[in-house]
Protein backbone atom coordinates (compact mmCIF):
# COMPACT_ATOMS: atom_id res chain seq x y z
CA MET A 1 -0.11 0.00 0.09
CA LYS A 2 1.22 3.48 -1.00
CA LEU A 3 1.50 6.09 1.60
CA PRO A 4 -0.79 9.00 1.14
CA PRO A 5 0.69 12.24 0.23
CA LEU A 6 0.91 15.41 2.33
CA ALA A 7 -2.21 17.83 1.86
CA ASP A 8 -1.02 20.45 -0.75
CA GLU A 9 -0.85 23.31 1.86
CA VAL A 10 1.31 21.64 4.52
CA GLU A 11 4.72 23.10 5.08
CA VAL A 12 7.64 21.02 6.51
CA ALA A 13 10.86 22.39 8.15
CA ASP A 14 13.53 19.94 8.80
CA PHE A 15 15.90 19.79 11.95
CA GLU A 16 18.09 16.71 11.60
CA THR A 17 15.73 14.01 12.96
CA GLU A 18 12.61 16.09 13.79
CA LEU A 19 10.17 17.93 11.82
CA VAL A 20 8.00 20.85 12.40
CA VAL A 21 4.88 20.62 10.11
CA VAL A 22 2.61 23.44 9.55
CA VAL A 23 -1.06 23.36 8.43
CA PRO A 24 -2.05 27.02 7.63
CA SER A 25 -5.68 26.31 7.37
CA ARG A 26 -6.05 24.94 10.95
CA ARG A 27 -3.26 27.63 12.26
CA ARG A 28 -1.52 24.65 13.59
CA ALA A 29 2.16 23.71 13.90
CA TYR A 30 3.43 20.06 14.91
CA HIS A 31 6.92 19.36 16.25
CA LEU A 32 7.46 15.66 15.36
CA ASP A 33 9.75 13.45 17.06
CA GLU A 34 12.07 11.03 14.85
CA ARG A 35 9.12 8.19 14.37
CA TRP A 36 6.76 10.61 13.41
CA ALA A 37 9.16 12.56 11.11
CA LEU A 38 10.03 9.15 9.70
CA LEU A 39 6.52 8.66 8.85
CA VAL A 40 5.84 12.17 7.27
CA ASP A 41 9.29 12.02 5.32
CA SER A 42 7.90 8.54 3.99
CA CYS A 43 4.63 10.04 2.79
CA ARG A 44 6.50 13.11 1.23
CA ARG A 45 8.59 10.48 -0.87
CA GLY A 46 5.48 8.34 -1.61
CA ASP A 47 7.09 5.25 -0.10
CA ASP A 48 5.09 2.03 0.40
CA VAL A 49 3.98 1.09 3.91
CA GLY A 50 5.61 -2.27 3.56
CA ASP A 51 9.15 -0.63 2.91
CA LEU A 52 8.49 1.58 5.96
CA VAL A 53 7.72 -1.48 8.04
CA GLU A 54 10.95 -3.00 6.74
CA GLU A 55 12.84 0.00 7.79
CA VAL A 56 11.43 -0.36 11.50
CA VAL A 57 12.35 -4.06 11.53
CA SER A 58 15.74 -3.65 10.28
CA VAL A 59 16.57 -1.98 13.52
CA GLY A 60 14.80 -4.56 15.81
CA GLY A 61 11.20 -3.39 15.73
CA ASP A 62 8.13 -5.96 15.77
CA PRO A 63 6.65 -5.81 12.16
CA ASP A 64 3.11 -6.35 13.51
CA GLN A 65 3.27 -3.62 16.08
CA ALA A 66 5.15 -1.34 13.62
CA ARG A 67 2.43 -1.73 10.94
CA ARG A 68 -0.64 -1.21 13.51
CA TRP A 69 1.32 1.87 14.70
CA PHE A 70 1.84 3.36 11.07
CA ILE A 71 -1.90 2.83 10.27
CA ALA A 72 -3.15 4.48 13.29
CA ALA A 73 -0.53 7.37 12.93
CA LEU A 74 -1.69 7.83 9.43
CA GLU A 75 -5.44 8.28 10.67
CA VAL A 76 -4.02 10.89 13.29
CA LEU A 77 -2.29 12.74 10.41
CA ARG A 78 -5.17 12.92 8.24
CA ASP A 79 -7.55 13.87 11.01
CA HIS A 80 -5.06 16.91 11.78
CA GLY A 81 -5.04 17.98 7.98
CA VAL A 82 -1.41 16.86 7.43
CA LEU A 83 -2.36 14.44 4.56
CA SER A 84 -4.35 14.69 1.68
CA VAL A 85 -8.04 13.64 1.94
CA ALA A 86 -8.14 13.23 -1.82
CA THR A 87 -6.57 9.85 -1.47
CA GLY A 88 -9.33 8.45 0.40
CA PRO A 89 -9.49 6.53 3.72
CA VAL A 90 -6.23 5.03 5.06
């Protein structure tokens, strides 16, 4: 499954392993830690969720737990206006 793209209006500022994501229409900014930043960067690149899970597993993560977290996190990002809603449900 391909990861959904970011919403067109979203602006992202990179700070090493962390990101700040701004959603202007909601007048919100989110400071993302390393795990959330990995997910948002993967969405920006249009990665496949399977590739993202493999990356986590390669450093010792549990694949089922990682997949569940990423799916739930995608829903949170969509609810906060970070992800494009044009791609349909996560």
